[in-house]
PDB file of all heavy atoms in Angstrom:
ATOM      1  N   PHE A   1     -45.016  16.321 -76.469  1.00  0.00           N
ATOM      2  CA  PHE A   1     -44.213  17.195 -75.610  1.00  0.00           C
ATOM      3  C   PHE A   1     -44.373  16.794 -74.148  1.00  0.00           C
ATOM      4  O   PHE A   1     -43.476  17.017 -73.331  1.00  0.00           O
ATOM      5  CB  PHE A   1     -44.651  18.647 -75.840  1.00  0.00           C
ATOM      6  CG  PHE A   1     -44.116  19.629 -74.853  1.00  0.00           C
ATOM      7  CD1 PHE A   1     -42.794  20.024 -74.881  1.00  0.00           C
ATOM      8  CD2 PHE A   1     -44.953  20.200 -73.895  1.00  0.00           C
ATOM      9  CE1 PHE A   1     -42.306  20.947 -73.977  1.00  0.00           C
ATOM     10  CE2 PHE A   1     -44.476  21.126 -72.990  1.00  0.00           C
ATOM     11  CZ  PHE A   1     -43.153  21.501 -73.031  1.00  0.00           C
ATOM     12  N   PHE A   2     -45.504  16.191 -73.828  1.00  0.00           N
ATOM     13  CA  PHE A   2     -45.812  15.842 -72.442  1.00  0.00           C
ATOM     14  C   PHE A   2     -45.336  14.436 -72.102  1.00  0.00           C
ATOM     15  O   PHE A   2     -45.393  13.535 -72.921  1.00  0.00           O
ATOM     16  CB  PHE A   2     -47.317  15.932 -72.208  1.00  0.00           C
ATOM     17  CG  PHE A   2     -47.897  17.279 -72.541  1.00  0.00           C
ATOM     18  CD1 PHE A   2     -48.721  17.445 -73.643  1.00  0.00           C
ATOM     19  CD2 PHE A   2     -47.623  18.377 -71.744  1.00  0.00           C
ATOM     20  CE1 PHE A   2     -49.252  18.680 -73.963  1.00  0.00           C
ATOM     21  CE2 PHE A   2     -48.162  19.618 -72.053  1.00  0.00           C
ATOM     22  CZ  PHE A   2     -48.973  19.776 -73.156  1.00  0.00           C
ATOM     23  N   ASN A   3     -44.898  14.263 -70.855  1.00  0.00           N
ATOM     24  CA  ASN A   3     -44.515  12.928 -70.393  1.00  0.00           C
ATOM     25  C   ASN A   3     -45.733  12.018 -70.309  1.00  0.00           C
ATOM     26  O   ASN A   3     -45.664  10.825 -70.598  1.00  0.00           O
ATOM     27  CB  ASN A   3     -43.841  12.997 -69.027  1.00  0.00           C
ATOM     28  CG  ASN A   3     -42.584  13.830 -69.036  1.00  0.00           C
ATOM     29  OD1 ASN A   3     -42.449  14.781 -68.289  1.00  0.00           O
ATOM     30  ND2 ASN A   3     -41.652  13.483 -69.913  1.00  0.00           N
ATOM     31  N   VAL A   4     -46.833  12.604 -69.885  1.00  0.00           N
ATOM     32  CA  VAL A   4     -48.059  11.824 -69.748  1.00  0.00           C
ATOM     33  C   VAL A   4     -49.253  12.744 -69.898  1.00  0.00           C
ATOM     34  O   VAL A   4     -49.205  13.911 -69.513  1.00  0.00           O
ATOM     35  CB  VAL A   4     -48.104  11.091 -68.386  1.00  0.00           C
ATOM     36  CG1 VAL A   4     -48.111  12.068 -67.231  1.00  0.00           C
ATOM     37  CG2 VAL A   4     -49.290  10.159 -68.288  1.00  0.00           C
ATOM     38  N   MET A   5     -50.299  12.224 -70.482  1.00  0.00           N
ATOM     39  CA  MET A   5     -51.589  12.913 -70.557  1.00  0.00           C
ATOM     40  C   MET A   5     -52.666  11.960 -70.070  1.00  0.00           C
ATOM     41  O   MET A   5     -52.491  10.733 -70.112  1.00  0.00           O
ATOM     42  CB  MET A   5     -51.904  13.370 -71.983  1.00  0.00           C
ATOM     43  CG  MET A   5     -50.969  14.440 -72.509  1.00  0.00           C
ATOM     44  SD  MET A   5     -51.521  15.119 -74.082  1.00  0.00           S
ATOM     45  CE  MET A   5     -52.959  16.076 -73.569  1.00  0.00           C
ATOM     46  N   GLY A   6     -53.745  12.538 -69.621  1.00  0.00           N
ATOM     47  CA  GLY A   6     -54.793  11.647 -69.149  1.00  0.00           C
ATOM     48  C   GLY A   6     -56.043  12.368 -68.729  1.00  0.00           C
ATOM     49  O   GLY A   6     -56.229  13.553 -69.018  1.00  0.00           O
ATOM     50  N   TRP A   7     -56.881  11.618 -68.053  1.00  0.00           N
ATOM     51  CA  TRP A   7     -58.172  12.103 -67.589  1.00  0.00           C
ATOM     52  C   TRP A   7     -58.319  11.800 -66.103  1.00  0.00           C
ATOM     53  O   TRP A   7     -58.023  10.686 -65.662  1.00  0.00           O
ATOM     54  CB  TRP A   7     -59.301  11.428 -68.359  1.00  0.00           C
ATOM     55  CG  TRP A   7     -59.323  11.771 -69.809  1.00  0.00           C
ATOM     56  CD1 TRP A   7     -58.681  11.124 -70.822  1.00  0.00           C
ATOM     57  CD2 TRP A   7     -60.023  12.865 -70.406  1.00  0.00           C
ATOM     58  NE1 TRP A   7     -58.933  11.746 -72.014  1.00  0.00           N
ATOM     59  CE2 TRP A   7     -59.767  12.823 -71.796  1.00  0.00           C
ATOM     60  CE3 TRP A   7     -60.856  13.874 -69.919  1.00  0.00           C
ATOM     61  CZ2 TRP A   7     -60.306  13.742 -72.680  1.00  0.00           C
ATOM     62  CZ3 TRP A   7     -61.387  14.794 -70.808  1.00  0.00           C
ATOM     63  CH2 TRP A   7     -61.116  14.727 -72.175  1.00  0.00           C
ATOM     64  N   TYR A   8     -58.811  12.795 -65.389  1.00  0.00           N
ATOM     65  CA  TYR A   8     -59.195  12.648 -64.003  1.00  0.00           C
ATOM     66  C   TYR A   8     -60.666  13.033 -63.900  1.00  0.00           C
ATOM     67  O   TYR A   8     -61.213  13.678 -64.788  1.00  0.00           O
ATOM     68  CB  TYR A   8     -58.364  13.563 -63.101  1.00  0.00           C
ATOM     69  CG  TYR A   8     -56.970  13.065 -62.816  1.00  0.00           C
ATOM     70  CD1 TYR A   8     -55.999  13.060 -63.809  1.00  0.00           C
ATOM     71  CD2 TYR A   8     -56.621  12.609 -61.542  1.00  0.00           C
ATOM     72  CE1 TYR A   8     -54.721  12.608 -63.541  1.00  0.00           C
ATOM     73  CE2 TYR A   8     -55.341  12.157 -61.261  1.00  0.00           C
ATOM     74  CZ  TYR A   8     -54.387  12.165 -62.268  1.00  0.00           C
ATOM     75  OH  TYR A   8     -53.122  11.715 -62.004  1.00  0.00           O
ATOM     76  N   ARG A   9     -61.294  12.639 -62.817  1.00  0.00           N
ATOM     77  CA  ARG A   9     -62.660  13.061 -62.566  1.00  0.00           C
ATOM     78  C   ARG A   9     -62.853  13.411 -61.108  1.00  0.00           C
ATOM     79  O   ARG A   9     -62.109  12.954 -60.237  1.00  0.00           O
ATOM     80  CB  ARG A   9     -63.667  11.986 -63.000  1.00  0.00           C
ATOM     81  CG  ARG A   9     -63.625  10.707 -62.179  1.00  0.00           C
ATOM     82  CD  ARG A   9     -64.553   9.670 -62.805  1.00  0.00           C
ATOM     83  NE  ARG A   9     -64.575   8.430 -62.023  1.00  0.00           N
ATOM     84  CZ  ARG A   9     -65.180   7.314 -62.416  1.00  0.00           C
ATOM     85  NH1 ARG A   9     -65.825   7.274 -63.585  1.00  0.00           N
ATOM     86  NH2 ARG A   9     -65.151   6.242 -61.642  1.00  0.00           N
ATOM     87  N   GLN A  10     -63.867  14.238 -60.869  1.00  0.00           N
ATOM     88  CA  GLN A  10     -64.128  14.702 -59.510  1.00  0.00           C
ATOM     89  C   GLN A  10     -65.611  14.903 -59.299  1.00  0.00           C
ATOM     90  O   GLN A  10     -66.312  15.442 -60.166  1.00  0.00           O
ATOM     91  CB  GLN A  10     -63.375  16.000 -59.240  1.00  0.00           C
ATOM     92  CG  GLN A  10     -63.384  16.451 -57.796  1.00  0.00           C
ATOM     93  CD  GLN A  10     -62.436  17.606 -57.558  1.00  0.00           C
ATOM     94  OE1 GLN A  10     -62.112  18.378 -58.467  1.00  0.00           O
ATOM     95  NE2 GLN A  10     -61.957  17.729 -56.331  1.00  0.00           N
ATOM     96  N   THR A  11     -66.072  14.476 -58.120  1.00  0.00           N
ATOM     97  CA  THR A  11     -67.430  14.732 -57.687  1.00  0.00           C
ATOM     98  C   THR A  11     -67.374  15.576 -56.418  1.00  0.00           C
ATOM     99  O   THR A  11     -66.353  15.568 -55.717  1.00  0.00           O
ATOM    100  CB  THR A  11     -68.193  13.430 -57.431  1.00  0.00           C
ATOM    101  OG1 THR A  11     -67.446  12.633 -56.498  1.00  0.00           O
ATOM    102  CG2 THR A  11     -68.373  12.636 -58.715  1.00  0.00           C
ATOM    103  N   PRO A  12     -68.455  16.291 -56.107  1.00  0.00           N
ATOM    104  CA  PRO A  12     -68.446  17.165 -54.928  1.00  0.00           C
ATOM    105  C   PRO A  12     -68.060  16.407 -53.663  1.00  0.00           C
ATOM    106  O   PRO A  12     -68.582  15.326 -53.389  1.00  0.00           O
ATOM    107  CB  PRO A  12     -69.878  17.685 -54.869  1.00  0.00           C
ATOM    108  CG  PRO A  12     -70.341  17.656 -56.281  1.00  0.00           C
ATOM    109  CD  PRO A  12     -69.718  16.429 -56.876  1.00  0.00           C
ATOM    110  N   GLY A  13     -67.150  16.988 -52.905  1.00  0.00           N
ATOM    111  CA  GLY A  13     -66.757  16.414 -51.637  1.00  0.00           C
ATOM    112  C   GLY A  13     -65.722  15.311 -51.726  1.00  0.00           C
ATOM    113  O   GLY A  13     -65.315  14.759 -50.699  1.00  0.00           O
ATOM    114  N   LYS A  14     -65.310  14.985 -52.957  1.00  0.00           N
ATOM    115  CA  LYS A  14     -64.316  13.924 -53.130  1.00  0.00           C
ATOM    116  C   LYS A  14     -63.061  14.458 -53.812  1.00  0.00           C
ATOM    117  O   LYS A  14     -63.101  15.477 -54.504  1.00  0.00           O
ATOM    118  CB  LYS A  14     -64.899  12.770 -53.943  1.00  0.00           C
ATOM    119  CG  LYS A  14     -66.016  12.023 -53.237  1.00  0.00           C
ATOM    120  CD  LYS A  14     -66.423  10.787 -54.024  1.00  0.00           C
ATOM    121  CE  LYS A  14     -67.475   9.995 -53.300  1.00  0.00           C
ATOM    122  NZ  LYS A  14     -67.865   8.761 -54.035  1.00  0.00           N
ATOM    123  N   GLU A  15     -61.973  13.753 -53.629  1.00  0.00           N
ATOM    124  CA  GLU A  15     -60.732  14.139 -54.294  1.00  0.00           C
ATOM    125  C   GLU A  15     -60.787  13.754 -55.770  1.00  0.00           C
ATOM    126  O   GLU A  15     -61.505  12.825 -56.158  1.00  0.00           O
ATOM    127  CB  GLU A  15     -59.539  13.447 -53.623  1.00  0.00           C
ATOM    128  CG  GLU A  15     -59.248  13.924 -52.220  1.00  0.00           C
ATOM    129  CD  GLU A  15     -57.967  13.341 -51.656  1.00  0.00           C
ATOM    130  OE1 GLU A  15     -57.312  12.561 -52.353  1.00  0.00           O
ATOM    131  OE2 GLU A  15     -57.621  13.684 -50.514  1.00  0.00           O
ATOM    132  N   ARG A  16     -60.016  14.499 -56.544  1.00  0.00           N
ATOM    133  CA  ARG A  16     -59.904  14.172 -57.966  1.00  0.00           C
ATOM    134  C   ARG A  16     -59.206  12.811 -58.097  1.00  0.00           C
ATOM    135  O   ARG A  16     -58.202  12.547 -57.443  1.00  0.00           O
ATOM    136  CB  ARG A  16     -59.100  15.269 -58.664  1.00  0.00           C
ATOM    137  CG  ARG A  16     -59.295  15.363 -60.143  1.00  0.00           C
ATOM    138  CD  ARG A  16     -58.691  16.636 -60.695  1.00  0.00           C
ATOM    139  NE  ARG A  16     -59.448  17.816 -60.315  1.00  0.00           N
ATOM    140  CZ  ARG A  16     -59.228  19.032 -60.823  1.00  0.00           C
ATOM    141  NH1 ARG A  16     -58.257  19.196 -61.725  1.00  0.00           N
ATOM    142  NH2 ARG A  16     -59.945  20.048 -60.433  1.00  0.00           N
ATOM    143  N   GLU A  17     -59.775  11.941 -58.940  1.00  0.00           N
ATOM    144  CA  GLU A  17     -59.210  10.604 -59.085  1.00  0.00           C
ATOM    145  C   GLU A  17     -58.820  10.326 -60.528  1.00  0.00           C
ATOM    146  O   GLU A  17     -59.462  10.813 -61.470  1.00  0.00           O
ATOM    147  CB  GLU A  17     -60.203   9.531 -58.620  1.00  0.00           C
ATOM    148  CG  GLU A  17     -61.462   9.427 -59.454  1.00  0.00           C
ATOM    149  CD  GLU A  17     -62.320   8.210 -59.094  1.00  0.00           C
ATOM    150  OE1 GLU A  17     -61.874   7.375 -58.285  1.00  0.00           O
ATOM    151  OE2 GLU A  17     -63.424   8.090 -59.658  1.00  0.00           O
ATOM    152  N   LEU A  18     -57.784   9.514 -60.682  1.00  0.00           N
ATOM    153  CA  LEU A  18     -57.331   9.132 -62.016  1.00  0.00           C
ATOM    154  C   LEU A  18     -58.369   8.240 -62.694  1.00  0.00           C
ATOM    155  O   LEU A  18     -58.845   7.275 -62.104  1.00  0.00           O
ATOM    156  CB  LEU A  18     -56.006   8.389 -61.938  1.00  0.00           C
ATOM    157  CG  LEU A  18     -55.506   7.802 -63.252  1.00  0.00           C
ATOM    158  CD1 LEU A  18     -55.074   8.901 -64.210  1.00  0.00           C
ATOM    159  CD2 LEU A  18     -54.369   6.815 -62.997  1.00  0.00           C
ATOM    160  N   VAL A  19     -58.665   8.572 -63.938  1.00  0.00           N
ATOM    161  CA  VAL A  19     -59.523   7.721 -64.755  1.00  0.00           C
ATOM    162  C   VAL A  19     -58.660   6.901 -65.705  1.00  0.00           C
ATOM    163  O   VAL A  19     -58.746   5.680 -65.758  1.00  0.00           O
ATOM    164  CB  VAL A  19     -60.540   8.557 -65.548  1.00  0.00           C
ATOM    165  CG1 VAL A  19     -61.380   7.655 -66.452  1.00  0.00           C
ATOM    166  CG2 VAL A  19     -61.431   9.353 -64.619  1.00  0.00           C
ATOM    167  N   ALA A  20     -57.825   7.596 -66.471  1.00  0.00           N
ATOM    168  CA  ALA A  20     -56.967   6.921 -67.438  1.00  0.00           C
ATOM    169  C   ALA A  20     -55.826   7.840 -67.820  1.00  0.00           C
ATOM    170  O   ALA A  20     -55.972   9.066 -67.785  1.00  0.00           O
ATOM    171  CB  ALA A  20     -57.755   6.529 -68.687  1.00  0.00           C
ATOM    172  N   SER A  21     -54.701   7.240 -68.181  1.00  0.00           N
ATOM    173  CA  SER A  21     -53.567   8.030 -68.629  1.00  0.00           C
ATOM    174  C   SER A  21     -52.826   7.287 -69.729  1.00  0.00           C
ATOM    175  O   SER A  21     -52.956   6.055 -69.865  1.00  0.00           O
ATOM    176  CB  SER A  21     -52.616   8.350 -67.473  1.00  0.00           C
ATOM    177  OG  SER A  21     -52.012   7.167 -66.988  1.00  0.00           O
ATOM    178  N   ILE A  22     -52.064   8.054 -70.491  1.00  0.00           N
ATOM    179  CA  ILE A  22     -51.223   7.477 -71.538  1.00  0.00           C
ATOM    180  C   ILE A  22     -49.909   8.243 -71.546  1.00  0.00           C
ATOM    181  O   ILE A  22     -49.904   9.478 -71.528  1.00  0.00           O
ATOM    182  CB  ILE A  22     -51.935   7.522 -72.912  1.00  0.00           C
ATOM    183  CG1 ILE A  22     -51.087   6.846 -73.988  1.00  0.00           C
ATOM    184  CG2 ILE A  22     -52.307   8.948 -73.317  1.00  0.00           C
ATOM    185  CD1 ILE A  22     -51.868   6.566 -75.272  1.00  0.00           C
ATOM    186  N   ASN A  23     -48.794   7.507 -71.516  1.00  0.00           N
ATOM    187  CA  ASN A  23     -47.525   8.211 -71.484  1.00  0.00           C
ATOM    188  C   ASN A  23     -46.969   8.393 -72.897  1.00  0.00           C
ATOM    189  O   ASN A  23     -47.558   7.929 -73.889  1.00  0.00           O
ATOM    190  CB  ASN A  23     -46.535   7.536 -70.542  1.00  0.00           C
ATOM    191  CG  ASN A  23     -46.010   6.208 -71.066  1.00  0.00           C
ATOM    192  OD1 ASN A  23     -46.190   5.859 -72.232  1.00  0.00           O
ATOM    193  ND2 ASN A  23     -45.335   5.463 -70.214  1.00  0.00           N
ATOM    194  N   VAL A  24     -45.834   9.063 -72.984  1.00  0.00           N
ATOM    195  CA  VAL A  24     -45.295   9.407 -74.297  1.00  0.00           C
ATOM    196  C   VAL A  24     -44.987   8.153 -75.111  1.00  0.00           C
ATOM    197  O   VAL A  24     -45.068   8.179 -76.353  1.00  0.00           O
ATOM    198  CB  VAL A  24     -44.059  10.313 -74.134  1.00  0.00           C
ATOM    199  CG1 VAL A  24     -42.925   9.560 -73.456  1.00  0.00           C
ATOM    200  CG2 VAL A  24     -43.626  10.898 -75.457  1.00  0.00           C
ATOM    201  N   GLY A  25     -44.710   7.041 -74.423  1.00  0.00           N
ATOM    202  CA  GLY A  25     -44.433   5.796 -75.125  1.00  0.00           C
ATOM    203  C   GLY A  25     -45.661   5.009 -75.510  1.00  0.00           C
ATOM    204  O   GLY A  25     -45.557   3.962 -76.154  1.00  0.00           O
ATOM    205  N   GLY A  26     -46.828   5.502 -75.093  1.00  0.00           N
ATOM    206  CA  GLY A  26     -48.071   4.830 -75.443  1.00  0.00           C
ATOM    207  C   GLY A  26     -48.583   3.857 -74.396  1.00  0.00           C
ATOM    208  O   GLY A  26     -49.598   3.193 -74.608  1.00  0.00           O
ATOM    209  N   VAL A  27     -47.910   3.778 -73.271  1.00  0.00           N
ATOM    210  CA  VAL A  27     -48.363   2.882 -72.200  1.00  0.00           C
ATOM    211  C   VAL A  27     -49.558   3.519 -71.505  1.00  0.00           C
ATOM    212  O   VAL A  27     -49.517   4.686 -71.106  1.00  0.00           O
ATOM    213  CB  VAL A  27     -47.233   2.618 -71.196  1.00  0.00           C
ATOM    214  CG1 VAL A  27     -47.735   1.755 -70.049  1.00  0.00           C
ATOM    215  CG2 VAL A  27     -46.051   1.954 -71.892  1.00  0.00           C
ATOM    216  N   THR A  28     -50.611   2.731 -71.339  1.00  0.00           N
ATOM    217  CA  THR A  28     -51.842   3.243 -70.731  1.00  0.00           C
ATOM    218  C   THR A  28     -52.016   2.718 -69.312  1.00  0.00           C
ATOM    219  O   THR A  28     -51.482   1.663 -68.938  1.00  0.00           O
ATOM    220  CB  THR A  28     -53.065   2.854 -71.572  1.00  0.00           C
ATOM    221  OG1 THR A  28     -53.112   1.430 -71.681  1.00  0.00           O
ATOM    222  CG2 THR A  28     -52.977   3.466 -72.965  1.00  0.00           C
ATOM    223  N   ASN A  29     -52.790   3.463 -68.544  1.00  0.00           N
ATOM    224  CA  ASN A  29     -53.086   3.092 -67.163  1.00  0.00           C
ATOM    225  C   ASN A  29     -54.513   3.507 -66.876  1.00  0.00           C
ATOM    226  O   ASN A  29     -54.951   4.585 -67.306  1.00  0.00           O
ATOM    227  CB  ASN A  29     -52.114   3.796 -66.220  1.00  0.00           C
ATOM    228  CG  ASN A  29     -52.303   3.372 -64.781  1.00  0.00           C
ATOM    229  OD1 ASN A  29     -52.517   2.212 -64.491  1.00  0.00           O
ATOM    230  ND2 ASN A  29     -52.223   4.334 -63.869  1.00  0.00           N
ATOM    231  N   TYR A  30     -55.249   2.661 -66.158  1.00  0.00           N
ATOM    232  CA  TYR A  30     -56.658   2.935 -65.879  1.00  0.00           C
ATOM    233  C   TYR A  30     -56.960   2.794 -64.401  1.00  0.00           C
ATOM    234  O   TYR A  30     -56.373   1.956 -63.706  1.00  0.00           O
ATOM    235  CB  TYR A  30     -57.548   1.968 -66.657  1.00  0.00           C
ATOM    236  CG  TYR A  30     -57.476   2.127 -68.151  1.00  0.00           C
ATOM    237  CD1 TYR A  30     -56.581   1.377 -68.915  1.00  0.00           C
ATOM    238  CD2 TYR A  30     -58.294   3.040 -68.814  1.00  0.00           C
ATOM    239  CE1 TYR A  30     -56.498   1.536 -70.281  1.00  0.00           C
ATOM    240  CE2 TYR A  30     -58.232   3.198 -70.191  1.00  0.00           C
ATOM    241  CZ  TYR A  30     -57.319   2.444 -70.916  1.00  0.00           C
ATOM    242  OH  TYR A  30     -57.249   2.604 -72.276  1.00  0.00           O
ATOM    243  N   GLY A  31     -57.914   3.608 -63.943  1.00  0.00           N
ATOM    244  CA  GLY A  31     -58.428   3.412 -62.612  1.00  0.00           C
ATOM    245  C   GLY A  31     -59.197   2.103 -62.534  1.00  0.00           C
ATOM    246  O   GLY A  31     -59.809   1.678 -63.521  1.00  0.00           O
ATOM    247  N   ASP A  32     -59.189   1.466 -61.378  1.00  0.00           N
ATOM    248  CA  ASP A  32     -59.812   0.151 -61.238  1.00  0.00           C
ATOM    249  C   ASP A  32     -61.289   0.172 -61.605  1.00  0.00           C
ATOM    250  O   ASP A  32     -61.814  -0.792 -62.179  1.00  0.00           O
ATOM    251  CB  ASP A  32     -59.643  -0.356 -59.799  1.00  0.00           C
ATOM    252  CG  ASP A  32     -58.219  -0.773 -59.488  1.00  0.00           C
ATOM    253  OD1 ASP A  32     -57.443  -1.021 -60.434  1.00  0.00           O
ATOM    254  OD2 ASP A  32     -57.879  -0.845 -58.293  1.00  0.00           O
ATOM    255  N   SER A  33     -61.975   1.257 -61.302  1.00  0.00           N
ATOM    256  CA  SER A  33     -63.416   1.301 -61.511  1.00  0.00           C
ATOM    257  C   SER A  33     -63.818   1.419 -62.981  1.00  0.00           C
ATOM    258  O   SER A  33     -64.989   1.241 -63.314  1.00  0.00           O
ATOM    259  CB  SER A  33     -64.025   2.462 -60.725  1.00  0.00           C
ATOM    260  OG  SER A  33     -63.495   3.691 -61.183  1.00  0.00           O
ATOM    261  N   VAL A  34     -62.868   1.728 -63.863  1.00  0.00           N
ATOM    262  CA  VAL A  34     -63.210   1.913 -65.271  1.00  0.00           C
ATOM    263  C   VAL A  34     -62.549   0.887 -66.187  1.00  0.00           C
ATOM    264  O   VAL A  34     -62.823   0.875 -67.392  1.00  0.00           O
ATOM    265  CB  VAL A  34     -62.860   3.345 -65.754  1.00  0.00           C
ATOM    266  CG1 VAL A  34     -63.481   4.385 -64.845  1.00  0.00           C
ATOM    267  CG2 VAL A  34     -61.362   3.543 -65.878  1.00  0.00           C
ATOM    268  N   LYS A  35     -61.723   0.035 -65.631  1.00  0.00           N
ATOM    269  CA  LYS A  35     -61.033  -0.965 -66.458  1.00  0.00           C
ATOM    270  C   LYS A  35     -62.043  -1.838 -67.202  1.00  0.00           C
ATOM    271  O   LYS A  35     -63.017  -2.300 -66.622  1.00  0.00           O
ATOM    272  CB  LYS A  35     -60.127  -1.831 -65.584  1.00  0.00           C
ATOM    273  CG  LYS A  35     -58.864  -1.130 -65.132  1.00  0.00           C
ATOM    274  CD  LYS A  35     -57.995  -2.044 -64.264  1.00  0.00           C
ATOM    275  CE  LYS A  35     -56.741  -1.324 -63.800  1.00  0.00           C
ATOM    276  NZ  LYS A  35     -55.910  -2.160 -62.893  1.00  0.00           N
ATOM    277  N   GLY A  36     -61.788  -2.021 -68.490  1.00  0.00           N
ATOM    278  CA  GLY A  36     -62.671  -2.832 -69.309  1.00  0.00           C
ATOM    279  C   GLY A  36     -63.845  -2.069 -69.892  1.00  0.00           C
ATOM    280  O   GLY A  36     -64.563  -2.597 -70.747  1.00  0.00           O
ATOM    281  N   ARG A  37     -64.052  -0.829 -69.436  1.00  0.00           N
ATOM    282  CA  ARG A  37     -65.174  -0.027 -69.941  1.00  0.00           C
ATOM    283  C   ARG A  37     -64.695   1.232 -70.677  1.00  0.00           C
ATOM    284  O   ARG A  37     -65.330   1.679 -71.631  1.00  0.00           O
ATOM    285  CB  ARG A  37     -66.087   0.386 -68.787  1.00  0.00           C
ATOM    286  CG  ARG A  37     -66.697  -0.772 -68.042  1.00  0.00           C
ATOM    287  CD  ARG A  37     -67.761  -0.283 -67.033  1.00  0.00           C
ATOM    288  NE  ARG A  37     -67.187   0.568 -66.001  1.00  0.00           N
ATOM    289  CZ  ARG A  37     -67.602   1.806 -65.741  1.00  0.00           C
ATOM    290  NH1 ARG A  37     -68.582   2.343 -66.448  1.00  0.00           N
ATOM    291  NH2 ARG A  37     -67.033   2.508 -64.770  1.00  0.00           N
ATOM    292  N   PHE A  38     -63.604   1.807 -70.214  1.00  0.00           N
ATOM    293  CA  PHE A  38     -63.092   3.057 -70.792  1.00  0.00           C
ATOM    294  C   PHE A  38     -61.802   2.770 -71.547  1.00  0.00           C
ATOM    295  O   PHE A  38     -61.020   1.891 -71.164  1.00  0.00           O
ATOM    296  CB  PHE A  38     -62.788   4.075 -69.703  1.00  0.00           C
ATOM    297  CG  PHE A  38     -63.990   4.635 -68.990  1.00  0.00           C
ATOM    298  CD1 PHE A  38     -65.262   4.103 -69.155  1.00  0.00           C
ATOM    299  CD2 PHE A  38     -63.851   5.729 -68.142  1.00  0.00           C
ATOM    300  CE1 PHE A  38     -66.363   4.632 -68.493  1.00  0.00           C
ATOM    301  CE2 PHE A  38     -64.931   6.270 -67.476  1.00  0.00           C
ATOM    302  CZ  PHE A  38     -66.186   5.710 -67.648  1.00  0.00           C
ATOM    303  N   THR A  39     -61.576   3.548 -72.601  1.00  0.00           N
ATOM    304  CA  THR A  39     -60.350   3.422 -73.384  1.00  0.00           C
ATOM    305  C   THR A  39     -59.791   4.799 -73.698  1.00  0.00           C
ATOM    306  O   THR A  39     -60.518   5.664 -74.222  1.00  0.00           O
ATOM    307  CB  THR A  39     -60.613   2.676 -74.705  1.00  0.00           C
ATOM    308  OG1 THR A  39     -61.175   1.389 -74.423  1.00  0.00           O
ATOM    309  CG2 THR A  39     -59.319   2.488 -75.482  1.00  0.00           C
ATOM    310  N   ILE A  40     -58.526   4.987 -73.392  1.00  0.00           N
ATOM    311  CA  ILE A  40     -57.851   6.239 -73.728  1.00  0.00           C
ATOM    312  C   ILE A  40     -57.069   6.039 -75.030  1.00  0.00           C
ATOM    313  O   ILE A  40     -56.485   4.972 -75.266  1.00  0.00           O
ATOM    314  CB  ILE A  40     -56.921   6.702 -72.589  1.00  0.00           C
ATOM    315  CG1 ILE A  40     -56.403   8.116 -72.844  1.00  0.00           C
ATOM    316  CG2 ILE A  40     -55.789   5.713 -72.343  1.00  0.00           C
ATOM    317  CD1 ILE A  40     -55.692   8.728 -71.638  1.00  0.00           C
ATOM    318  N   SER A  41     -57.076   7.072 -75.862  1.00  0.00           N
ATOM    319  CA  SER A  41     -56.338   7.017 -77.116  1.00  0.00           C
ATOM    320  C   SER A  41     -55.881   8.423 -77.472  1.00  0.00           C
ATOM    321  O   SER A  41     -56.247   9.393 -76.798  1.00  0.00           O
ATOM    322  CB  SER A  41     -57.202   6.420 -78.234  1.00  0.00           C
ATOM    323  OG  SER A  41     -58.341   7.226 -78.472  1.00  0.00           O
ATOM    324  N   ARG A  42     -55.112   8.540 -78.546  1.00  0.00           N
ATOM    325  CA  ARG A  42     -54.595   9.851 -78.918  1.00  0.00           C
ATOM    326  C   ARG A  42     -54.395   9.934 -80.428  1.00  0.00           C
ATOM    327  O   ARG A  42     -54.263   8.915 -81.107  1.00  0.00           O
ATOM    328  CB  ARG A  42     -53.267  10.124 -78.205  1.00  0.00           C
ATOM    329  CG  ARG A  42     -52.153   9.150 -78.590  1.00  0.00           C
ATOM    330  CD  ARG A  42     -50.946   9.315 -77.719  1.00  0.00           C
ATOM    331  NE  ARG A  42     -49.903   8.349 -78.071  1.00  0.00           N
ATOM    332  CZ  ARG A  42     -48.775   8.188 -77.396  1.00  0.00           C
ATOM    333  NH1 ARG A  42     -48.549   8.941 -76.310  1.00  0.00           N
ATOM    334  NH2 ARG A  42     -47.886   7.295 -77.784  1.00  0.00           N
TER     335      ARG A  42
END
């Protein structure tokens, strides 16, 4: 039902940042700091 789902993270004093996302078509996107280490799936 959603165009995109994903994960963000936040630490005190910092803005929420994208970790990973996956759109309805299955295309994934990752934050630079987690590429190669994190995997999003559904």
